[in-house]
Every structure is written in C-alpha cells, then in structure tokens.
Amino acid sequence: QVQLVESGGGLVQPGGSLRLPCAASRRIFGATDMGWYRQAPGKQRELVAVITSGSVTNYADSVKGRFTISRDNAKNTVYLQMNSLKPEDTAVYYCQLKISGLVASWGQGTQVTVSS
C-alpha cells in the first residue's frame, strides 16, 4: 500500500499563492497518474488537475491558467502550484494515485482557505 501525504495548505488572501506537495511513501513503478481533487463544504469532491506518468496534464476549467501540476519522480512527489487564488478555491485538497488506471491511494487532505 502506497501512502500519500499532502502538505502546504493554509490561509491565504485572495490573489495569493500556495504550493501543495504530495509525497508518496515509496517509489512507484508502472503507468501512474497522480491527481489533485478538492471538496468544499456541502459539495462533491471534484477533479482539479491530473498528471500522467508521461507528464501529460489536464485541468478543471475553473483553474486553467492559475494552477499548475507537476511531478518529481526522483522524489516520488507531485506538486500543485496555485496562483491568483479566489475565495471559491477554498476546500480540502486531496492527492490521488492511480496505477494502471485504478485508484491505488488517497491522501488525508489539506485545508486551503482563501479569505481576506
């Protein structure tokens, strides 16, 4: 079982930036996709961004141009750089790992609050 640990959440003002790392507990082999999801109070969990083992990326329309997902395979870590944050970005952010198309693990989540 691969464990994922997110960090980097916190309180930030509108227009600010945060960087969320998600570290896997061990090296992962094979076709892996790593993604970031978020869940706001009273809402369903939604996809924010995903990056494949070939570094192909995909983003939710609501974050395109503001968020960037990247991965460092040597460190078994995926990052979510969030710029120009808005109050509607407030949510718990979760990291997900897929191996060969199947969900293998979720992180415990990190709270991001955008407020003045």
Protein backbone atom coordinates (compact mmCIF):
# COMPACT_ATOMS: atom_id res chain seq x y z
CA GLN A 1 0.00 0.00 0.00
CA VAL A 2 1.38 3.36 -1.02
CA GLN A 3 0.65 6.19 1.40
CA LEU A 4 0.26 9.75 0.20
CA VAL A 5 0.93 12.74 2.44
CA GLU A 6 -0.18 16.24 1.45
CA SER A 7 1.08 19.45 2.98
CA GLY A 8 1.28 23.16 2.24
CA GLY A 9 -2.31 24.16 2.93
CA GLY A 10 -3.28 27.20 4.94
CA LEU A 11 -4.97 30.59 4.94
CA VAL A 12 -4.18 32.95 2.07
CA GLN A 13 -5.66 36.21 0.86
CA PRO A 14 -7.44 36.46 -2.49
CA GLY A 15 -4.89 36.83 -5.26
CA GLY A 16 -2.26 34.98 -3.27
CA SER A 17 -0.41 31.75 -3.98
CA LEU A 18 0.16 28.39 -2.34
CA ARG A 19 2.16 25.32 -3.32
CA LEU A 20 0.87 21.91 -2.27
CA PRO A 21 3.29 18.96 -2.27
CA CYS A 22 2.07 15.37 -2.11
CA ALA A 23 4.71 12.78 -1.27
CA ALA A 24 4.34 9.05 -1.85
CA SER A 25 5.78 6.70 0.77
CA ARG A 26 7.75 4.70 -1.77
CA ARG A 27 8.80 4.69 -5.38
CA ILE A 28 6.02 3.80 -7.76
CA PHE A 29 6.61 1.82 -10.92
CA GLY A 30 4.43 1.43 -13.94
CA ALA A 31 1.78 3.59 -15.52
CA THR A 32 0.80 6.05 -12.83
CA ASP A 33 -1.43 9.08 -12.84
CA MET A 34 -1.30 11.48 -9.94
CA GLY A 35 -4.03 13.99 -9.38
CA TRP A 36 -5.36 16.68 -7.10
CA TYR A 37 -9.01 16.81 -6.12
CA ARG A 38 -10.86 19.19 -3.81
CA GLN A 39 -14.01 19.15 -1.76
CA ALA A 40 -15.72 22.26 -0.49
CA PRO A 41 -18.29 22.11 2.33
CA GLY A 42 -21.59 20.72 1.08
CA LYS A 43 -20.18 19.89 -2.34
CA GLN A 44 -18.94 16.76 -4.07
CA ARG A 45 -15.26 16.08 -4.50
CA GLU A 46 -14.08 17.36 -7.87
CA LEU A 47 -11.03 16.92 -10.04
CA VAL A 48 -8.64 19.87 -10.02
CA ALA A 49 -5.69 18.60 -12.06
CA VAL A 50 -4.03 15.36 -13.12
CA ILE A 51 -0.61 14.45 -14.49
CA THR A 52 0.25 11.15 -16.15
CA SER A 53 3.48 9.20 -15.94
CA GLY A 54 4.33 10.80 -19.29
CA SER A 55 3.73 14.25 -17.78
CA VAL A 56 0.58 14.92 -19.78
CA THR A 57 -1.59 17.29 -17.76
CA ASN A 58 -5.28 18.07 -17.58
CA TYR A 59 -7.06 20.76 -15.58
CA ALA A 60 -10.54 21.67 -14.49
CA ASP A 61 -11.79 24.69 -16.43
CA SER A 62 -12.12 26.65 -13.19
CA VAL A 63 -8.36 26.52 -12.52
CA LYS A 64 -6.86 26.64 -16.02
CA GLY A 65 -4.26 29.37 -16.28
CA ARG A 66 -3.99 29.71 -12.49
CA PHE A 67 -2.93 26.28 -11.24
CA THR A 68 -0.01 24.12 -12.40
CA ILE A 69 0.53 20.45 -11.61
CA SER A 70 4.00 18.92 -11.83
CA ARG A 71 5.79 15.82 -10.61
CA ASP A 72 9.28 14.94 -9.46
CA ASN A 73 9.65 11.19 -9.94
CA ALA A 74 13.02 11.13 -8.17
CA LYS A 75 11.30 12.43 -5.03
CA ASN A 76 8.04 10.49 -5.55
CA THR A 77 6.25 13.82 -5.22
CA VAL A 78 3.57 15.70 -7.12
CA TYR A 79 3.02 19.43 -6.70
CA LEU A 80 0.10 21.77 -7.20
CA GLN A 81 1.13 25.39 -7.66
CA MET A 82 -1.89 27.61 -7.09
CA ASN A 83 -1.75 31.27 -8.14
CA SER A 84 -4.36 34.03 -8.24
CA LEU A 85 -6.38 32.22 -5.60
CA LYS A 86 -10.06 33.04 -5.22
CA PRO A 87 -12.44 32.51 -2.29
CA GLU A 88 -14.17 29.80 -4.33
CA ASP A 89 -10.93 27.81 -4.28
CA THR A 90 -11.49 27.24 -0.55
CA ALA A 91 -11.70 23.48 0.02
CA VAL A 92 -9.91 20.45 1.37
CA TYR A 93 -7.42 19.36 -1.28
CA TYR A 94 -6.70 15.66 -1.73
CA CYS A 95 -3.96 13.88 -3.62
CA GLN A 96 -4.79 10.70 -5.55
CA LEU A 97 -2.64 7.98 -7.08
CA LYS A 98 -3.78 5.72 -9.90
CA ILE A 99 -1.78 2.72 -11.04
CA SER A 100 -2.70 1.28 -14.42
CA GLY A 101 -5.95 3.21 -14.34
CA LEU A 102 -7.08 2.02 -10.92
CA VAL A 103 -7.23 4.17 -7.80
CA ALA A 104 -4.48 2.96 -5.52
CA SER A 105 -4.41 5.56 -2.77
CA TRP A 106 -5.75 8.86 -1.45
CA GLY A 107 -4.04 11.31 0.85
CA GLN A 108 -5.62 12.57 4.05
CA GLY A 109 -6.27 16.05 2.66
CA THR A 110 -5.00 19.54 3.39
CA GLN A 111 -7.21 22.58 4.03
CA VAL A 112 -6.89 25.62 1.78
CA THR A 113 -8.79 28.72 2.83
CA VAL A 114 -8.86 31.84 0.66
CA SER A 115 -10.18 34.80 2.60
CA SER A 116 -9.38 38.39 3.41
